[in-house]
Protein backbone atom coordinates (compact mmCIF):
# COMPACT_ATOMS: atom_id res chain seq x y z
CA MET A 1 -16.54 25.00 18.07
CA GLU A 2 -13.44 27.18 18.35
CA GLU A 3 -10.86 24.64 17.14
CA LEU A 4 -12.92 23.56 14.13
CA GLU A 5 -13.55 27.16 13.10
CA ARG A 6 -9.84 27.89 13.38
CA MET A 7 -8.98 25.00 11.05
CA LEU A 8 -11.68 25.99 8.55
CA GLU A 9 -10.23 29.50 8.48
CA LEU A 10 -6.69 28.16 8.05
CA PHE A 11 -7.89 25.95 5.17
CA PRO A 12 -10.77 27.91 3.57
CA GLU A 13 -13.17 26.03 1.34
CA LYS A 14 -12.41 27.99 -1.84
CA GLU A 15 -8.66 27.51 -1.52
CA CYS A 16 -8.52 24.08 0.12
CA PRO A 17 -11.86 22.32 -0.52
CA ASN A 18 -10.57 18.81 0.20
CA ILE A 19 -8.92 19.70 3.52
CA ASN A 20 -11.88 21.85 4.56
CA SER A 21 -14.31 19.03 3.80
CA ALA A 22 -12.10 16.49 5.60
CA PHE A 23 -12.21 18.55 8.79
CA ARG A 24 -15.99 18.87 8.62
CA LYS A 25 -16.41 15.12 8.15
CA LEU A 26 -13.92 14.36 10.90
CA HIS A 27 -15.87 16.60 13.27
CA ALA A 28 -19.18 14.96 12.34
CA ASN A 29 -17.81 11.47 12.89
CA PHE A 30 -16.39 12.40 16.28
CA MET A 31 -19.72 13.94 17.22
CA PHE A 32 -21.87 10.98 16.29
CA ARG A 33 -19.70 7.87 15.77
CA SER A 34 -16.73 7.93 18.10
CA GLU A 35 -17.97 6.48 21.35
CA ARG A 36 -14.98 4.13 21.06
CA ALA A 37 -12.69 5.13 18.21
CA MET A 38 -9.69 3.17 17.01
CA VAL A 39 -7.06 5.25 15.21
CA SER A 40 -4.40 3.25 13.35
CA ILE A 41 -1.01 5.00 13.48
CA SER A 42 1.61 3.72 11.07
CA GLY A 43 4.38 6.26 11.53
CA GLY A 44 4.07 7.24 7.86
CA ALA A 45 3.38 10.63 6.32
CA ASP A 46 -0.37 10.11 5.75
CA SER A 47 -0.77 8.83 9.28
CA ASP A 48 1.06 11.92 10.57
CA MET A 49 -1.40 14.20 8.82
CA MET A 50 -4.44 12.28 10.08
CA LEU A 51 -3.17 12.37 13.66
CA ASP A 52 -2.48 16.10 13.45
CA MET A 53 -6.00 16.75 12.13
CA ILE A 54 -7.50 14.79 15.02
CA MET A 55 -5.46 16.60 17.64
CA ALA A 56 -6.10 19.99 16.02
CA LEU A 57 -9.77 19.53 16.98
CA ASN A 58 -8.78 19.05 20.64
CA PRO A 59 -10.81 15.87 21.17
CA GLY A 60 -10.34 15.81 24.95
CA LYS A 61 -12.16 19.13 25.21
CA ASN A 62 -14.64 19.00 22.36
CA TYR A 63 -15.61 15.31 22.30
CA PRO A 64 -15.57 14.32 25.98
CA LYS A 65 -17.75 11.29 25.31
CA SER A 66 -15.30 9.94 22.74
CA GLU A 67 -12.89 7.24 23.82
CA ILE A 68 -9.97 7.37 21.39
CA HIS A 69 -7.47 4.50 21.15
CA PHE A 70 -4.32 5.17 19.15
CA VAL A 71 -2.61 1.94 18.09
CA TRP A 72 0.43 0.82 16.09
CA PHE A 73 0.91 -2.70 14.78
CA ASP A 74 4.42 -4.15 14.86
CA THR A 75 4.84 -6.49 11.89
CA GLY A 76 8.15 -7.85 13.14
CA ILE A 77 10.30 -6.01 10.59
CA GLU A 78 9.98 -2.31 11.42
CA TYR A 79 12.58 0.45 11.16
CA THR A 80 14.09 1.83 14.34
CA ALA A 81 13.34 5.31 12.96
CA THR A 82 9.63 4.46 12.86
CA LYS A 83 9.65 3.39 16.51
CA GLN A 84 11.49 6.58 17.45
CA HIS A 85 8.94 8.65 15.53
CA LEU A 86 6.10 7.09 17.51
CA LYS A 87 7.74 8.34 20.71
CA HIS A 88 8.04 11.80 19.16
CA LEU A 89 4.32 11.79 18.31
CA GLU A 90 3.41 10.76 21.84
CA GLU A 91 5.47 13.60 23.30
CA LYS A 92 4.25 16.17 20.78
CA TYR A 93 0.54 15.48 21.22
CA GLY A 94 0.50 14.17 24.79
CA ILE A 95 -1.02 10.83 23.80
CA THR A 96 -0.29 7.15 24.26
CA ILE A 97 0.06 4.96 21.18
CA GLU A 98 -0.53 1.34 22.08
CA ARG A 99 1.91 -1.14 20.52
CA ARG A 100 0.52 -4.46 19.39
CA ARG A 101 2.68 -7.31 18.15
CA ALA A 102 1.69 -9.33 15.10
CA LYS A 103 -0.20 -12.58 15.64
CA THR A 104 1.91 -14.00 12.84
CA PRO A 105 5.02 -11.84 12.26
CA VAL A 106 5.99 -11.30 8.64
CA PRO A 107 8.99 -13.70 8.72
CA ILE A 108 6.77 -16.56 9.92
CA GLY A 109 3.95 -15.54 7.56
CA CYS A 110 6.26 -15.73 4.57
CA LYS A 111 7.41 -19.22 5.57
CA THR A 112 3.83 -20.32 6.16
CA TRP A 113 1.99 -18.85 3.16
CA GLY A 114 4.55 -17.61 0.65
CA LEU A 115 6.49 -14.53 -0.38
CA PRO A 116 5.05 -11.21 -1.51
CA PHE A 117 5.83 -10.33 -5.12
CA LEU A 118 5.25 -7.11 -7.05
CA SER A 119 1.84 -6.17 -5.54
CA LYS A 120 -0.90 -7.52 -3.31
CA GLN A 121 -3.17 -8.20 -6.27
CA VAL A 122 -0.52 -9.99 -8.32
CA SER A 123 0.57 -12.07 -5.34
CA GLN A 124 -2.99 -13.01 -4.51
CA TYR A 125 -3.77 -14.26 -8.02
CA ILE A 126 -0.50 -16.13 -8.40
CA SER A 127 -1.13 -17.78 -5.03
CA ARG A 128 -4.56 -18.97 -6.15
CA LEU A 129 -3.16 -20.39 -9.37
CA GLN A 130 -0.32 -22.13 -7.54
CA ALA A 131 -2.82 -23.68 -5.12
CA HIS A 132 -4.56 -25.36 -8.06
CA GLY A 133 -1.38 -26.68 -9.68
CA PHE A 134 -1.53 -24.26 -12.59
CA LYS A 135 1.04 -24.96 -15.31
CA TRP A 136 1.28 -21.37 -16.58
CA GLU A 137 -0.31 -22.25 -19.89
CA ASN A 138 -0.98 -19.62 -22.53
CA ASP A 139 -4.40 -20.93 -23.57
CA PRO A 140 -7.79 -19.18 -23.87
CA PHE A 141 -9.83 -18.64 -20.72
CA GLU A 142 -12.53 -21.17 -21.70
CA ALA A 143 -9.99 -23.97 -22.10
CA LEU A 144 -8.19 -23.14 -18.86
CA TYR A 145 -11.45 -22.84 -16.93
CA GLN A 146 -12.35 -26.41 -17.91
CA ARG A 147 -9.00 -27.61 -16.55
CA TYR A 148 -9.04 -25.45 -13.42
CA PRO A 149 -12.70 -24.83 -12.55
CA ASN A 150 -12.10 -23.64 -9.00
CA CYS A 151 -10.03 -20.50 -9.60
CA LYS A 152 -12.12 -18.48 -12.01
CA ALA A 153 -11.06 -14.99 -10.89
CA ALA A 154 -7.36 -15.81 -11.04
CA LEU A 155 -7.79 -17.31 -14.52
CA ARG A 156 -9.63 -14.20 -15.66
CA TRP A 157 -6.66 -12.15 -14.44
CA TRP A 158 -4.23 -14.43 -16.28
CA CYS A 159 -6.26 -14.28 -19.50
CA ASN A 160 -7.04 -10.54 -19.41
CA ASP A 161 -10.70 -11.47 -19.21
CA PHE A 162 -11.90 -8.60 -17.00
CA GLY A 163 -12.46 -6.36 -20.01
CA PRO A 164 -10.34 -3.95 -22.07
CA GLY A 165 -8.16 -1.71 -19.92
CA SER A 166 -9.26 -3.27 -16.62
CA ARG A 167 -6.81 -2.80 -13.77
CA LEU A 168 -7.61 -6.40 -12.79
CA ASN A 169 -5.93 -7.81 -15.90
CA ILE A 170 -2.38 -9.12 -15.83
CA GLU A 171 -1.59 -6.91 -18.83
CA ARG A 172 -1.57 -3.96 -16.39
CA CYS A 173 1.90 -5.24 -15.47
CA ARG A 174 3.79 -5.00 -18.72
CA LEU A 175 5.16 -8.32 -19.99
CA LEU A 176 4.43 -10.05 -16.68
CA LYS A 177 2.54 -12.91 -18.32
CA GLU A 178 5.31 -13.47 -20.84
CA PHE A 179 7.88 -13.41 -18.05
CA ILE A 180 6.03 -15.93 -15.88
CA ILE A 181 5.52 -18.31 -18.81
CA ALA A 182 9.26 -18.17 -19.49
CA ASN A 183 10.18 -18.19 -15.78
CA PRO A 184 7.52 -19.92 -13.65
CA PRO A 185 7.79 -19.07 -9.94
CA GLU A 186 9.79 -21.69 -8.06
CA VAL A 187 8.66 -20.59 -4.58
CA PRO A 188 5.18 -20.07 -3.13
CA ILE A 189 3.89 -16.53 -3.62
CA SER A 190 1.23 -14.94 -1.45
CA ASP A 191 -0.10 -11.63 -0.12
CA ARG A 192 -1.07 -13.15 3.23
CA CYS A 193 1.98 -11.98 5.19
CA ARG A 194 0.14 -8.73 5.89
CA LYS A 195 -2.94 -10.57 7.13
CA GLY A 196 -1.21 -12.20 10.08
CA ALA A 197 0.96 -9.18 10.78
CA LYS A 198 -1.68 -6.44 10.71
CA LYS A 199 -5.19 -7.42 9.72
CA ASP A 200 -5.77 -10.17 12.27
CA VAL A 201 -4.31 -8.22 15.18
CA ALA A 202 -6.28 -5.11 14.14
CA HIS A 203 -9.53 -7.08 14.16
CA ASP A 204 -8.67 -8.48 17.60
CA PHE A 205 -7.96 -4.99 18.90
CA MET A 206 -11.26 -3.67 17.55
CA ARG A 207 -13.12 -6.47 19.30
CA GLU A 208 -11.15 -5.89 22.50
CA ILE A 209 -12.17 -2.22 22.75
CA ASN A 210 -15.57 -2.84 21.14
CA ALA A 211 -14.77 -0.11 18.61
CA THR A 212 -17.61 1.88 17.07
CA ILE A 213 -15.38 3.40 14.37
CA ASN A 214 -11.94 2.76 12.89
CA LEU A 215 -9.97 5.69 11.47
CA VAL A 216 -7.27 4.88 8.90
CA GLY A 217 -5.05 7.12 6.78
CA ILE A 218 -5.87 5.79 3.32
CA ARG A 219 -5.78 8.25 0.42
CA GLN A 220 -7.37 7.61 -2.96
CA ALA A 221 -4.46 9.40 -4.64
CA GLU A 222 -1.90 6.88 -3.37
CA GLY A 223 -3.41 4.14 -5.56
CA GLY A 224 -2.70 0.49 -4.92
CA ALA A 225 -4.97 -2.21 -3.60
CA ARG A 226 -5.78 -0.40 -0.35
CA ALA A 227 -7.07 2.74 -2.04
CA THR A 228 -8.83 1.10 -4.99
CA ALA A 229 -10.76 -1.19 -2.65
CA TYR A 230 -12.98 1.78 -1.72
CA ASN A 231 -15.00 4.34 -3.63
CA SER A 232 -15.76 6.71 -0.75
CA CYS A 233 -14.35 7.86 2.58
CA PHE A 234 -16.76 5.85 4.74
CA THR A 235 -17.79 2.22 5.06
CA GLU A 236 -20.69 1.11 7.21
CA PRO A 237 -20.12 -1.98 9.39
CA SER A 238 -21.36 -5.18 7.78
CA SER A 239 -22.51 -6.57 11.13
CA LYS A 240 -23.13 -5.42 14.70
CA SER A 241 -19.86 -6.96 15.82
CA GLN A 242 -17.84 -4.81 13.41
CA ALA A 243 -16.92 -1.11 13.39
CA ALA A 244 -17.52 1.49 10.74
CA GLN A 245 -14.38 2.61 8.90
CA PHE A 246 -13.71 6.28 8.24
CA ARG A 247 -10.90 7.44 5.97
CA PRO A 248 -10.46 11.17 6.73
CA LEU A 249 -7.75 11.64 4.08
CA PHE A 250 -9.47 9.72 1.29
CA TYR A 251 -9.91 12.73 -1.02
CA ILE A 252 -6.67 14.47 -0.01
CA THR A 253 -4.27 14.93 -2.94
CA ASP A 254 -0.49 15.06 -2.79
CA GLN A 255 -0.72 18.84 -3.15
CA ASP A 256 -3.25 19.03 -0.30
CA LYS A 257 -0.98 17.00 1.95
CA ALA A 258 2.07 19.13 1.18
CA LEU A 259 0.11 22.34 1.86
CA TYR A 260 -1.35 21.00 5.10
CA CYS A 261 1.96 19.80 6.48
CA GLU A 262 3.61 23.11 5.60
CA ARG A 263 0.96 25.25 7.29
CA ARG A 264 0.65 23.01 10.32
CA ARG A 265 4.40 22.30 10.47
CA VAL A 266 3.89 18.55 10.52
CA ALA A 267 7.27 16.81 10.66
CA HIS A 268 7.63 13.23 9.48
CA SER A 269 10.02 10.51 10.61
CA ASP A 270 13.69 10.61 9.67
CA LEU A 271 12.96 8.01 7.00
CA TYR A 272 11.21 10.78 5.08
CA GLU A 273 13.01 13.89 6.28
CA LYS A 274 16.60 12.63 6.12
CA HIS A 275 16.62 9.55 3.91
CA GLY A 276 14.09 10.36 1.17
CA PHE A 277 11.68 7.49 1.75
CA ARG A 278 8.29 7.70 0.05
CA ARG A 279 6.63 5.11 2.24
CA THR A 280 7.13 3.30 5.52
CA GLY A 281 5.82 0.06 6.93
CA CYS A 282 7.39 -3.36 6.66
CA ALA A 283 11.06 -2.71 5.98
CA CYS A 284 12.12 -3.17 2.34
CA CYS A 285 8.82 -4.80 1.40
CA PRO A 286 8.91 -6.40 -2.07
CA PHE A 287 5.58 -4.70 -2.78
CA GLY A 288 7.48 -1.41 -2.83
CA GLY A 289 8.90 -0.51 -6.23
CA ARG A 290 11.87 1.18 -4.51
CA PHE A 291 12.99 -1.77 -2.42
CA GLU A 292 16.51 -1.57 -3.87
CA GLN A 293 16.89 2.00 -2.57
CA GLU A 294 15.36 0.96 0.75
CA LEU A 295 17.85 -1.89 1.06
CA GLN A 296 20.74 0.52 0.54
CA ALA A 297 19.32 2.87 3.17
CA ALA A 298 18.66 -0.01 5.58
CA ASP A 299 22.30 -1.10 5.27
CA GLN A 300 23.22 2.26 6.81
CA LEU A 301 20.29 2.75 9.21
CA ASP A 302 19.54 -0.76 10.48
CA PRO A 303 22.23 -3.26 9.37
CA ASN A 304 20.70 -6.11 11.36
CA LEU A 305 17.27 -5.39 9.89
CA ALA A 306 18.79 -5.21 6.40
CA ARG A 307 20.29 -8.68 6.83
CA ALA A 308 17.00 -10.00 8.16
CA VAL A 309 14.89 -8.77 5.24
CA ARG A 310 17.36 -10.18 2.73
CA ASN A 311 16.95 -13.57 4.40
CA ILE A 312 13.16 -13.24 4.46
CA PHE A 313 12.50 -11.74 1.03
CA GLY A 314 15.62 -12.78 -0.89
CA ALA A 315 13.87 -15.07 -3.38
CA SER A 316 11.22 -12.42 -4.02
CA TYR A 317 13.86 -9.75 -4.65
CA ASP A 318 15.62 -12.07 -7.12
CA TYR A 319 12.37 -12.85 -8.95
CA THR A 320 11.53 -9.16 -9.22
CA ARG A 321 15.01 -8.37 -10.50
CA ALA A 322 14.66 -11.12 -13.11
CA TYR A 323 11.32 -9.63 -14.21
CA ARG A 324 12.87 -6.18 -14.54
CA GLN A 325 15.78 -7.61 -16.53
CA PHE A 326 13.31 -9.48 -18.74
CA LYS A 327 11.56 -6.20 -19.59
CA ALA A 328 14.85 -4.40 -20.18
CA GLN A 329 16.08 -7.12 -22.54
CA HIS A 330 12.77 -7.09 -24.40
CA ASP A 331 12.96 -3.31 -24.80
CA ALA A 332 16.58 -3.46 -25.95
CA ALA A 333 15.77 -6.15 -28.52
CA LYS A 334 12.77 -4.17 -29.76
CA LYS A 335 14.87 -1.03 -30.08
CA LYS A 336 17.56 -2.95 -31.98
CA ASP A 337 14.98 -4.38 -34.37
CA THR A 338 13.51 -0.92 -34.91
CA ASN A 339 16.94 0.56 -35.65
CA GLN A 340 17.74 -2.25 -38.06
CA LEU A 341 14.41 -1.76 -39.81
CA SER A 342 15.09 1.97 -40.02
CA ILE A 343 18.52 1.41 -41.57
CA PHE A 344 17.05 -1.12 -44.00
CA LYS A 345 14.33 1.34 -44.95
CA GLU A 346 16.88 4.13 -45.51
CA ASP A 347 18.94 1.82 -47.74
CA ASN A 348 15.84 0.93 -49.75
CA ASP A 349 14.87 4.59 -49.99
CA GLY A 350 18.34 5.44 -51.17
CA GLN A 351 18.23 2.64 -53.77
CA THR A 352 14.81 3.76 -54.93
CA SER A 353 15.92 7.36 -55.35
CA THR A 354 18.97 6.21 -57.37
CA ASP A 355 16.79 4.15 -59.66
């Protein structure tokens, strides 16, 4: 196939093994799996690369039996720049990206289930503990499990019971347990805002088109709950009513992405190109470690959106700021104690040498 060969020459295996392999796998999945393909477009940088790879293979010509549905899910708090970028992608590639509104927009989801805090994993475990009336006790797992027998996994997280160094332990977030004990959450916390805004509507869309495969731009290198949930680029459907999921970019590194976008001249949305964003999606999401910078940018780009997210996520922002201040104060106190100990030691050393 002419287009595939051209891409394999542009990204030779010895120089670009991950990109070369991604193209081969993408071709194979379009050949044998894409009778009705759903391609999730987010407007982000990874999504841009995935879309460009798909269109580089000229699917209309080379996979005539493939029915490809490009879709974007509107969470209810999206940047204007993202919506403008979608129009640019449609014009550039001559495609239509279907827009689907959230079944439960993020603002309503936060009121219904609780606010996102720090990360999806942290929010999920805190939510489970809150649901069982947990008192944020600092007791051993065995004692807590007797008191709260119906939230074992969350208690294991709280007690660092998943084994030394496990990413599932609360200790992965430095001083978080100590902070929560000293400052128990006063509002419901949950990771479910994303479920009603994206997951549910995505599942409905897959059923609507009877999708045989779902292509998503998840990269292992990006980390986080999305990436660590998988250990390969492909997931078979668990039932006949579901679609397989293919992650073409799963093994693509940051260096691979930069090289690809340079050679293929892939331009990202203004959020990246002009305003230095590292991610897109729900505006100023508390799951993003840079939400303060995003809030400042949103004040300039989308003032109305900036006001909206402060109303929606305000309590979460405040709780995160308090956690950061807690860590800073701990570090300052530790440094002060270390300096005092050092001075005391020098005095003792000086006294000893005099004696």
